[in-house]
């Protein structure tokens, strides 16, 4: 009887040990699984939050860009003297203008435009969103001034005509446009004169192409 009881006791003890080990294992596994789920949940929420914030920033940037574009309307228009080609310049409502069309300056017509206010016109360091000049020099002479820039590979030149004046062909300059300035410039013949239309730097190239050049006209 005693031997049988001992055997039963040993069996029960082993069973208890096995059950305890399984219980501890299950408990540890549960903690590990719960921790994994929490990490996954936290990481997922963090990623979702970052994505949501990024989407908000993109939307805000688009809204701001749309708002800034809407502020440019309705466009303003300047029309110069008939003797200098009756140059018609259409520009954004948010830009200011300084125009000397007296014919007594270095250029017969010198029209400068920039958002907010126009920088100093006497400083060589001033950068303008738009500058339009009617120069008292023949077109062929003015075009030759860009040959050196092309040879030095500081500018590229291609043929160009305004959308409103397809039969008047000039050149489109990108890079060095003279007077230590870089940007983009259109040079066109106007009778015995020359028209230069330029934007300095890179900040207003889209406005230059989509608003200024698209609507620009004059009497050849």
Protein backbone atom coordinates (compact mmCIF):
# COMPACT_ATOMS: atom_id res chain seq x y z
CA UNK A 1 0.00 0.00 0.00
CA UNK A 2 2.78 2.38 0.87
CA UNK A 3 4.59 1.76 -2.41
CA UNK A 4 1.43 2.35 -4.36
CA UNK A 5 0.77 5.55 -2.44
CA UNK A 6 4.30 6.76 -3.08
CA UNK A 7 3.95 6.07 -6.77
CA UNK A 8 0.67 7.93 -6.89
CA UNK A 9 2.25 10.83 -4.99
CA UNK A 10 5.19 10.97 -7.37
CA UNK A 11 2.88 10.90 -10.37
CA UNK A 12 0.76 13.69 -8.92
CA UNK A 13 3.85 15.76 -8.16
CA UNK A 14 5.19 15.35 -11.68
CA UNK A 15 1.81 16.26 -13.09
CA UNK A 16 1.72 19.37 -10.94
CA UNK A 17 5.19 20.34 -12.11
CA UNK A 18 4.19 19.84 -15.75
CA UNK A 19 1.01 21.86 -15.25
CA UNK A 20 2.99 24.60 -13.49
CA UNK A 21 5.55 24.73 -16.28
CA UNK A 22 2.80 24.88 -18.90
CA UNK A 23 1.01 27.59 -16.94
CA UNK A 24 4.17 29.66 -16.59
CA UNK A 25 4.91 29.15 -20.28
CA UNK A 26 1.41 30.18 -21.23
CA UNK A 27 1.64 33.20 -18.94
CA UNK A 28 4.97 34.28 -20.46
CA UNK A 29 3.60 33.72 -23.96
CA UNK A 30 0.54 35.81 -23.10
CA UNK A 31 2.68 38.66 -21.86
CA UNK A 32 4.86 38.47 -25.00
CA UNK A 33 1.83 38.36 -27.30
CA UNK A 34 0.17 41.27 -25.47
CA UNK A 35 3.39 43.31 -25.64
CA UNK A 36 3.69 42.55 -29.35
CA UNK A 37 0.12 43.62 -29.99
CA UNK A 38 0.65 46.85 -28.03
CA UNK A 39 3.84 47.64 -29.97
CA UNK A 40 2.08 46.95 -33.25
CA UNK A 41 -0.86 49.07 -32.18
CA UNK A 42 1.39 51.95 -31.06
CA UNK A 43 3.52 51.78 -34.21
CA UNK A 44 0.43 51.62 -36.41
CA UNK A 45 -1.13 54.60 -34.65
CA UNK A 46 2.15 56.51 -34.89
CA UNK A 47 2.46 55.80 -38.62
CA UNK A 48 -1.20 56.70 -39.18
CA UNK A 49 -0.73 59.96 -37.25
CA UNK A 50 2.36 60.89 -39.28
CA UNK A 51 0.58 60.08 -42.53
CA UNK A 52 -2.44 62.12 -41.47
CA UNK A 53 -0.23 65.09 -40.51
CA UNK A 54 1.64 64.84 -43.80
CA UNK A 55 -1.65 64.79 -45.71
CA UNK A 56 -2.80 67.90 -43.83
CA UNK A 57 0.44 69.72 -44.69
CA UNK A 58 0.08 68.80 -48.37
CA UNK A 59 -3.51 70.03 -48.40
CA UNK A 60 -2.54 73.28 -46.67
CA UNK A 61 0.28 73.85 -49.18
CA UNK A 62 -2.10 73.28 -52.09
CA UNK A 63 -4.71 75.60 -50.55
CA UNK A 64 -2.07 78.30 -50.02
CA UNK A 65 -0.84 77.96 -53.59
CA UNK A 66 -4.42 78.20 -54.87
CA UNK A 67 -5.08 81.23 -52.67
CA UNK A 68 -1.92 82.98 -53.88
CA UNK A 69 -2.91 82.33 -57.48
CA UNK A 70 -6.39 83.72 -56.88
CA UNK A 71 -4.91 86.88 -55.38
CA UNK A 72 -3.25 87.62 -58.72
CA UNK A 73 -6.65 88.13 -60.34
CA UNK A 74 -7.94 90.33 -61.81
CA UNK A 75 -4.77 91.09 -63.77
CA UNK A 76 -3.62 94.66 -64.27
CA UNK A 77 -2.63 96.14 -67.61
CA UNK A 78 -0.14 98.78 -68.67
CA UNK A 79 -0.12 100.20 -72.21
CA UNK A 80 2.89 102.23 -73.32
CA UNK A 81 3.16 105.15 -75.73
CA UNK A 82 2.27 104.44 -79.37
CA UNK A 83 5.62 105.76 -80.63
CA UNK A 84 7.35 102.98 -78.69
CA UNK A 85 5.14 100.21 -79.98
CA UNK A 86 2.11 100.60 -77.68
CA UNK A 87 3.53 97.85 -75.53
CA UNK A 88 0.75 96.11 -73.58
CA UNK A 89 1.85 94.36 -70.39
CA UNK A 90 -0.57 92.24 -68.39
CA UNK A 91 0.68 91.46 -64.88
CA UNK A 92 -0.63 90.04 -61.55
CA UNK A 93 -2.77 92.20 -59.31
CA UNK A 94 -0.34 91.61 -56.41
CA UNK A 95 2.58 93.21 -58.27
CA UNK A 96 3.64 96.83 -58.11
CA UNK A 97 5.02 98.75 -61.06
CA UNK A 98 7.53 101.50 -61.76
CA UNK A 99 7.44 102.82 -65.33
CA UNK A 100 9.52 105.44 -67.08
CA UNK A 101 8.00 105.94 -70.53
CA UNK A 102 9.19 109.51 -71.08
CA UNK A 103 11.80 108.43 -73.62
CA UNK A 104 14.45 110.45 -71.80
CA UNK A 105 16.04 107.62 -69.84
CA UNK A 106 18.64 105.02 -70.80
CA UNK A 107 15.77 103.11 -72.39
CA UNK A 108 12.88 104.68 -74.29
CA UNK A 109 10.57 102.62 -72.10
CA UNK A 110 11.62 101.01 -68.82
CA UNK A 111 8.89 99.17 -66.91
CA UNK A 112 9.77 97.26 -63.73
CA UNK A 113 7.43 95.01 -61.73
CA UNK A 114 7.71 93.07 -58.49
CA UNK A 115 5.33 91.68 -55.84
CA UNK A 116 4.64 94.07 -52.98
CA UNK A 117 7.00 96.88 -53.88
CA UNK A 118 9.58 97.54 -56.58
CA UNK A 119 13.24 97.36 -55.41
CA UNK A 120 15.72 100.13 -56.08
CA UNK A 121 15.98 100.74 -59.81
CA UNK A 122 19.46 102.26 -59.44
CA UNK A 123 21.08 99.23 -57.78
CA UNK A 124 22.70 96.59 -59.96
CA UNK A 125 21.87 94.02 -57.27
CA UNK A 126 18.10 94.52 -57.49
CA UNK A 127 16.16 91.55 -58.81
CA UNK A 128 12.82 92.10 -60.55
CA UNK A 129 10.01 89.67 -61.27
CA UNK A 130 9.57 91.46 -64.59
CA UNK A 131 11.40 94.11 -66.56
CA UNK A 132 10.36 95.33 -69.99
CA UNK A 133 12.48 97.75 -71.97
CA UNK A 134 12.29 99.35 -75.39
CA UNK A 135 15.89 99.99 -76.37
CA UNK A 136 17.00 102.47 -79.00
CA UNK A 137 19.23 99.94 -80.73
CA UNK A 138 18.60 97.70 -83.75
CA UNK A 139 17.57 94.12 -83.00
CA UNK A 140 20.61 92.61 -84.75
CA UNK A 141 22.98 94.66 -82.59
CA UNK A 142 21.27 93.64 -79.33
CA UNK A 143 21.23 89.95 -80.27
CA UNK A 144 25.00 89.99 -80.83
CA UNK A 145 25.44 90.88 -77.16
CA UNK A 146 24.41 87.33 -76.23
CA UNK A 147 26.96 85.57 -78.46
CA UNK A 148 29.63 85.68 -75.77
CA UNK A 149 27.29 84.14 -73.18
CA UNK A 150 26.43 81.32 -75.55
CA UNK A 151 30.08 80.66 -76.36
CA UNK A 152 30.95 80.64 -72.64
CA UNK A 153 27.99 78.31 -72.04
CA UNK A 154 26.50 80.67 -69.47
CA UNK A 155 23.33 81.07 -71.53
CA UNK A 156 21.25 79.24 -74.11
CA UNK A 157 19.41 80.94 -76.96
CA UNK A 158 16.51 79.67 -79.07
CA UNK A 159 14.07 81.21 -81.56
CA UNK A 160 10.85 82.55 -80.02
CA UNK A 161 7.66 84.40 -80.92
CA UNK A 162 4.91 85.65 -78.60
CA UNK A 163 1.59 83.74 -78.66
CA UNK A 164 -0.19 86.95 -79.71
CA UNK A 165 2.42 87.86 -82.35
CA UNK A 166 3.47 84.59 -83.99
CA UNK A 167 4.90 86.35 -87.07
CA UNK A 168 7.38 88.43 -85.08
CA UNK A 169 10.32 86.14 -84.36
CA UNK A 170 12.98 86.90 -81.81
CA UNK A 171 15.05 84.90 -79.33
CA UNK A 172 14.51 83.35 -75.90
CA UNK A 173 17.54 83.55 -73.59
CA UNK A 174 17.98 81.38 -70.50
CA UNK A 175 20.90 81.93 -68.11
CA UNK A 176 23.06 85.05 -68.26
CA UNK A 177 20.82 87.87 -69.48
CA UNK A 178 23.37 90.67 -68.98
CA UNK A 179 24.29 93.16 -66.25
CA UNK A 180 25.49 90.30 -64.00
CA UNK A 181 21.94 88.97 -63.86
CA UNK A 182 20.65 85.49 -64.55
CA UNK A 183 17.11 84.60 -65.52
CA UNK A 184 15.09 84.38 -68.71
CA UNK A 185 14.64 87.01 -71.41
CA UNK A 186 12.75 87.44 -74.67
CA UNK A 187 14.30 89.77 -77.24
CA UNK A 188 12.14 90.96 -80.14
CA UNK A 189 12.51 93.44 -83.01
CA UNK A 190 10.35 96.59 -82.93
CA UNK A 191 10.85 98.70 -86.06
CA UNK A 192 14.29 100.31 -85.54
CA UNK A 193 14.15 99.49 -81.80
CA UNK A 194 14.36 96.34 -79.69
CA UNK A 195 12.10 95.02 -76.94
CA UNK A 196 13.53 93.09 -74.01
CA UNK A 197 11.16 91.23 -71.65
CA UNK A 198 12.86 89.52 -68.73
CA UNK A 199 12.44 87.87 -65.35
CA UNK A 200 15.42 87.67 -63.00
CA UNK A 201 16.26 84.64 -60.94
CA UNK A 202 13.95 81.62 -60.89
CA UNK A 203 11.14 82.66 -58.56
CA UNK A 204 8.70 83.97 -61.16
CA UNK A 205 9.35 81.87 -64.25
CA UNK A 206 5.85 80.35 -64.23
CA UNK A 207 4.25 83.82 -64.02
CA UNK A 208 6.61 85.03 -66.73
CA UNK A 209 5.53 82.29 -69.12
CA UNK A 210 1.89 81.78 -68.15
CA UNK A 211 0.82 85.40 -67.56
CA UNK A 212 3.33 87.87 -68.97
CA UNK A 213 4.36 86.29 -72.27
CA UNK A 214 1.00 84.66 -72.86
CA UNK A 215 -0.74 88.06 -72.84
CA UNK A 216 2.06 90.36 -74.02
CA UNK A 217 1.52 92.30 -77.22
CA UNK A 218 2.74 95.40 -79.06
CA UNK A 219 2.46 97.08 -82.47
CA UNK A 220 5.42 95.92 -84.61
